[in-house]
Amino acid sequence: MKTELVISNVLRLGVWSSMALIASGSGWHFLSGDSASAARLVTAGLVLLIATPVLRVAASLALFAVERDKIYTLVTAAVLLLLALSFILGKAG
């Protein structure tokens, strides 16, 4: 499978899933008035939306490793490591 196709599918699936969660949470809030459950759905959608680019980098890393492209694998691993480090430091602060 082509690398670009896999990456575009990861991005597409992440955005559509996020949109579905956010819309479900919004609809749940308006139909039932249960703001706690609705807030959890919306939050899950937003977390997924934020995580989608990170998943794209992880998918790229796996694809480059399968293709045995050492340079791109190393660069992508460094980017993923920096992303993880920024999340860890952001959580600590």
C-alpha atoms as a PDB file:
ATOM      1  CA  MET A   1       0.000   0.000   0.000  1.00  0.00           C
ATOM      2  CA  LYS A   2       1.250   3.476  -0.770  1.00  0.00           C
ATOM      3  CA  THR A   3       2.536   5.528   2.110  1.00  0.00           C
ATOM      4  CA  GLU A   4       0.557   8.626   1.145  1.00  0.00           C
ATOM      5  CA  LEU A   5      -2.686   6.650   0.986  1.00  0.00           C
ATOM      6  CA  VAL A   6      -2.199   5.153   4.451  1.00  0.00           C
ATOM      7  CA  ILE A   7      -1.321   8.536   5.936  1.00  0.00           C
ATOM      8  CA  SER A   8      -4.310  10.232   4.315  1.00  0.00           C
ATOM      9  CA  ASN A   9      -6.587   7.456   5.607  1.00  0.00           C
ATOM     10  CA  VAL A  10      -5.234   7.900   9.156  1.00  0.00           C
ATOM     11  CA  LEU A  11      -5.892  11.648   8.983  1.00  0.00           C
ATOM     12  CA  ARG A  12      -9.323  11.199   7.422  1.00  0.00           C
ATOM     13  CA  LEU A  13     -10.394   8.574   9.968  1.00  0.00           C
ATOM     14  CA  GLY A  14      -9.142  10.698  12.868  1.00  0.00           C
ATOM     15  CA  VAL A  15     -10.970  13.834  11.747  1.00  0.00           C
ATOM     16  CA  TRP A  16     -14.242  12.057  10.924  1.00  0.00           C
ATOM     17  CA  SER A  17     -14.196  10.090  14.182  1.00  0.00           C
ATOM     18  CA  SER A  18     -13.486  13.262  16.122  1.00  0.00           C
ATOM     19  CA  MET A  19     -16.294  15.071  14.359  1.00  0.00           C
ATOM     20  CA  ALA A  20     -18.682  12.201  15.113  1.00  0.00           C
ATOM     21  CA  LEU A  21     -17.807  12.255  18.817  1.00  0.00           C
ATOM     22  CA  ILE A  22     -18.183  16.026  19.078  1.00  0.00           C
ATOM     23  CA  ALA A  23     -21.497  15.990  17.184  1.00  0.00           C
ATOM     24  CA  SER A  24     -22.756  13.100  19.329  1.00  0.00           C
ATOM     25  CA  GLY A  25     -21.837  14.948  22.503  1.00  0.00           C
ATOM     26  CA  SER A  26     -23.526  18.113  21.306  1.00  0.00           C
ATOM     27  CA  GLY A  27     -26.639  16.211  20.259  1.00  0.00           C
ATOM     28  CA  TRP A  28     -26.711  14.319  23.545  1.00  0.00           C
ATOM     29  CA  HIS A  29     -26.575  17.576  25.454  1.00  0.00           C
ATOM     30  CA  PHE A  30     -29.434  19.147  23.497  1.00  0.00           C
ATOM     31  CA  LEU A  31     -31.651  16.043  23.529  1.00  0.00           C
ATOM     32  CA  SER A  32     -31.154  14.771  27.056  1.00  0.00           C
ATOM     33  CA  GLY A  33     -29.744  17.712  28.948  1.00  0.00           C
ATOM     34  CA  ASP A  34     -27.108  15.418  30.498  1.00  0.00           C
ATOM     35  CA  SER A  35     -24.168  17.782  30.353  1.00  0.00           C
ATOM     36  CA  ALA A  36     -21.691  15.459  32.120  1.00  0.00           C
ATOM     37  CA  SER A  37     -21.969  12.666  29.543  1.00  0.00           C
ATOM     38  CA  ALA A  38     -22.083  15.162  26.699  1.00  0.00           C
ATOM     39  CA  ALA A  39     -18.943  16.875  27.973  1.00  0.00           C
ATOM     40  CA  ARG A  40     -17.136  13.516  28.078  1.00  0.00           C
ATOM     41  CA  LEU A  41     -18.037  12.816  24.448  1.00  0.00           C
ATOM     42  CA  VAL A  42     -16.981  16.273  23.300  1.00  0.00           C
ATOM     43  CA  THR A  43     -13.736  16.009  25.280  1.00  0.00           C
ATOM     44  CA  ALA A  44     -13.005  12.610  23.741  1.00  0.00           C
ATOM     45  CA  GLY A  45     -13.579  14.103  20.298  1.00  0.00           C
ATOM     46  CA  LEU A  46     -11.222  16.984  20.987  1.00  0.00           C
ATOM     47  CA  VAL A  47      -8.549  14.669  22.391  1.00  0.00           C
ATOM     48  CA  LEU A  48      -8.836  12.505  19.282  1.00  0.00           C
ATOM     49  CA  LEU A  49      -8.568  15.582  17.074  1.00  0.00           C
ATOM     50  CA  ILE A  50      -5.382  16.632  18.886  1.00  0.00           C
ATOM     51  CA  ALA A  51      -3.999  13.077  18.755  1.00  0.00           C
ATOM     52  CA  THR A  52      -4.636  12.633  15.022  1.00  0.00           C
ATOM     53  CA  PRO A  53      -1.409  14.338  13.833  1.00  0.00           C
ATOM     54  CA  VAL A  54       0.575  12.319  16.391  1.00  0.00           C
ATOM     55  CA  LEU A  55      -1.019   9.131  15.055  1.00  0.00           C
ATOM     56  CA  ARG A  56      -0.035  10.279  11.568  1.00  0.00           C
ATOM     57  CA  VAL A  57       3.601  10.566  12.655  1.00  0.00           C
ATOM     58  CA  ALA A  58       3.434   7.122  14.303  1.00  0.00           C
ATOM     59  CA  ALA A  59       1.935   5.612  11.134  1.00  0.00           C
ATOM     60  CA  SER A  60       4.657   7.282   9.056  1.00  0.00           C
ATOM     61  CA  LEU A  61       7.309   5.842  11.342  1.00  0.00           C
ATOM     62  CA  ALA A  62       5.899   2.331  10.941  1.00  0.00           C
ATOM     63  CA  LEU A  63       5.596   2.687   7.164  1.00  0.00           C
ATOM     64  CA  PHE A  64       9.118   4.036   6.744  1.00  0.00           C
ATOM     65  CA  ALA A  65      10.470   1.220   8.909  1.00  0.00           C
ATOM     66  CA  VAL A  66       8.633  -1.376   6.788  1.00  0.00           C
ATOM     67  CA  GLU A  67      10.034   0.249   3.638  1.00  0.00           C
ATOM     68  CA  ARG A  68      13.510   0.137   5.265  1.00  0.00           C
ATOM     69  CA  ASP A  69      14.047   3.832   4.623  1.00  0.00           C
ATOM     70  CA  LYS A  70      16.597   4.543   7.346  1.00  0.00           C
ATOM     71  CA  ILE A  71      16.849   8.318   6.977  1.00  0.00           C
ATOM     72  CA  TYR A  72      13.089   8.951   7.056  1.00  0.00           C
ATOM     73  CA  THR A  73      12.672   6.414   9.856  1.00  0.00           C
ATOM     74  CA  LEU A  74      15.255   8.219  11.995  1.00  0.00           C
ATOM     75  CA  VAL A  75      13.835  11.676  11.273  1.00  0.00           C
ATOM     76  CA  THR A  76      10.276  10.522  11.949  1.00  0.00           C
ATOM     77  CA  ALA A  77      11.360   8.777  15.155  1.00  0.00           C
ATOM     78  CA  ALA A  78      12.990  12.025  16.288  1.00  0.00           C
ATOM     79  CA  VAL A  79       9.805  13.980  15.533  1.00  0.00           C
ATOM     80  CA  LEU A  80       7.687  11.436  17.435  1.00  0.00           C
ATOM     81  CA  LEU A  81      10.111  11.579  20.358  1.00  0.00           C
ATOM     82  CA  LEU A  82       9.908  15.383  20.431  1.00  0.00           C
ATOM     83  CA  LEU A  83       6.111  15.239  20.327  1.00  0.00           C
ATOM     84  CA  ALA A  84       6.054  12.774  23.225  1.00  0.00           C
ATOM     85  CA  LEU A  85       8.517  14.899  25.166  1.00  0.00           C
ATOM     86  CA  SER A  86       6.447  18.034  24.618  1.00  0.00           C
ATOM     87  CA  PHE A  87       3.313  16.273  25.894  1.00  0.00           C
ATOM     88  CA  ILE A  88       5.187  14.977  28.950  1.00  0.00           C
ATOM     89  CA  LEU A  89       6.708  18.367  29.756  1.00  0.00           C
ATOM     90  CA  GLY A  90       3.386  20.093  29.122  1.00  0.00           C
ATOM     91  CA  LYS A  91       1.675  17.718  31.553  1.00  0.00           C
ATOM     92  CA  ALA A  92       4.367  18.283  34.184  1.00  0.00           C
ATOM     93  CA  GLY A  93       4.070  22.058  33.940  1.00  0.00           C
END
